[in-house]
């Protein structure tokens, strides 16, 4: 699992962040096929969950990826879990448990 945290531009919406991430997926996974995209909640915040398959451009292996995108505390959090497609059914409950456990703590003092 990988978590990337980056500042978010003023006014950037979750939809815009999701579309931006989708554009970057093609650079890392090619060919790329979206399996599902859904609105979810992470840590009490609206989020998007993408599930997609394709070949990792570096390893050339076929992978299945779960990517969650959420905006909280003026930051964009992108949580990514990559696995082999045949392992996904065994790991999906664990992935959902991890995503369900996320909390965002305000850094305002």
Protein backbone atom coordinates (compact mmCIF):
# COMPACT_ATOMS: atom_id res chain seq x y z
CA UNK A 1 0.00 0.00 0.00
CA UNK A 2 1.24 3.44 -0.91
CA UNK A 3 -0.08 6.78 0.36
CA UNK A 4 0.81 10.01 -1.43
CA UNK A 5 -0.07 13.28 0.26
CA UNK A 6 0.14 16.54 -1.64
CA UNK A 7 -1.16 20.07 -1.18
CA UNK A 8 -4.33 20.76 -3.10
CA UNK A 9 -4.81 23.90 -5.17
CA UNK A 10 -7.48 26.26 -3.87
CA UNK A 11 -10.83 25.34 -5.35
CA UNK A 12 -9.74 21.97 -6.78
CA UNK A 13 -12.60 19.53 -6.38
CA UNK A 14 -12.58 15.82 -5.70
CA UNK A 15 -13.94 15.24 -9.20
CA UNK A 16 -11.07 17.25 -10.73
CA UNK A 17 -8.52 15.39 -8.60
CA UNK A 18 -10.01 12.07 -9.67
CA UNK A 19 -9.90 12.99 -13.37
CA UNK A 20 -6.29 14.14 -12.98
CA UNK A 21 -5.34 10.83 -11.36
CA UNK A 22 -7.07 8.88 -14.14
CA UNK A 23 -4.90 10.71 -16.65
CA UNK A 24 -1.76 9.68 -14.76
CA UNK A 25 -2.81 6.04 -14.58
CA UNK A 26 -2.16 5.66 -18.31
CA UNK A 27 1.50 6.54 -17.70
CA UNK A 28 1.92 3.74 -15.16
CA UNK A 29 -0.43 1.05 -16.45
CA UNK A 30 -0.79 0.31 -20.14
CA UNK A 31 -2.98 -1.07 -21.52
CA UNK A 32 -5.41 0.14 -18.89
CA UNK A 33 -8.96 -1.01 -18.16
CA UNK A 34 -11.22 0.58 -15.55
CA UNK A 35 -13.05 -2.15 -13.64
CA UNK A 36 -15.07 0.14 -11.39
CA UNK A 37 -15.33 3.66 -10.08
CA UNK A 38 -17.44 4.55 -7.08
CA UNK A 39 -18.17 7.28 -4.58
CA UNK A 40 -17.17 6.25 -1.08
CA UNK A 41 -16.35 7.88 2.24
CA UNK A 42 -12.91 7.74 3.87
CA UNK A 43 -12.36 9.07 7.36
CA UNK A 44 -15.65 10.94 7.19
CA UNK A 45 -14.74 12.66 3.91
CA UNK A 46 -16.20 12.11 0.42
CA UNK A 47 -13.81 10.04 -1.68
CA UNK A 48 -13.54 8.09 -4.92
CA UNK A 49 -12.41 4.50 -5.31
CA UNK A 50 -11.04 3.30 -8.64
CA UNK A 51 -10.30 -0.31 -9.45
CA UNK A 52 -8.40 -0.98 -12.65
CA UNK A 53 -6.27 -3.59 -14.35
CA UNK A 54 -3.46 -3.51 -16.86
CA UNK A 55 0.24 -4.07 -17.32
CA UNK A 56 2.65 -2.17 -15.11
CA UNK A 57 4.92 -0.25 -17.50
CA UNK A 58 8.01 -0.97 -15.40
CA UNK A 59 7.62 -4.63 -14.49
CA UNK A 60 5.44 -5.56 -17.52
CA UNK A 61 3.37 -7.69 -15.11
CA UNK A 62 -0.39 -7.70 -15.20
CA UNK A 63 -1.70 -5.97 -12.07
CA UNK A 64 -4.97 -5.07 -10.41
CA UNK A 65 -5.01 -1.76 -8.56
CA UNK A 66 -7.31 -0.19 -6.01
CA UNK A 67 -6.84 3.58 -5.77
CA UNK A 68 -8.72 5.81 -3.35
CA UNK A 69 -8.65 9.60 -3.63
CA UNK A 70 -9.78 11.94 -0.86
CA UNK A 71 -9.35 15.61 -0.05
CA UNK A 72 -8.94 16.48 3.63
CA UNK A 73 -7.13 19.26 5.52
CA UNK A 74 -6.30 21.08 2.25
CA UNK A 75 -4.43 18.03 0.98
CA UNK A 76 -5.08 15.34 -1.56
CA UNK A 77 -4.50 11.82 -0.30
CA UNK A 78 -4.08 9.08 -2.89
CA UNK A 79 -4.03 5.59 -1.41
CA UNK A 80 -2.94 2.87 -3.82
CA UNK A 81 -2.84 -0.90 -3.42
CA UNK A 82 -1.40 -3.01 -6.25
CA UNK A 83 -1.66 -6.77 -6.45
CA UNK A 84 -1.75 -9.60 -8.95
CA UNK A 85 -5.25 -10.13 -10.40
CA UNK A 86 -5.51 -13.70 -9.08
CA UNK A 87 -4.63 -12.54 -5.53
CA UNK A 88 -7.20 -9.75 -5.44
CA UNK A 89 -10.15 -11.91 -4.27
CA UNK A 90 -8.11 -13.06 -1.25
CA UNK A 91 -6.87 -9.54 -0.45
CA UNK A 92 -9.97 -7.43 -1.14
CA UNK A 93 -11.39 -7.71 2.41
CA UNK A 94 -8.05 -6.60 3.86
CA UNK A 95 -7.90 -3.64 1.44
CA UNK A 96 -11.42 -2.57 2.43
CA UNK A 97 -10.53 -2.90 6.12
CA UNK A 98 -7.49 -0.66 5.69
CA UNK A 99 -9.46 1.95 3.76
CA UNK A 100 -12.23 1.82 6.37
CA UNK A 101 -9.76 2.46 9.18
CA UNK A 102 -8.41 5.76 7.80
CA UNK A 103 -8.89 8.88 9.87
CA UNK A 104 -7.84 12.45 9.21
CA UNK A 105 -6.68 14.58 12.11
CA UNK A 106 -6.78 18.33 11.68
CA UNK A 107 -3.36 19.95 11.92
CA UNK A 108 -4.86 23.25 13.04
CA UNK A 109 -3.80 24.28 16.51
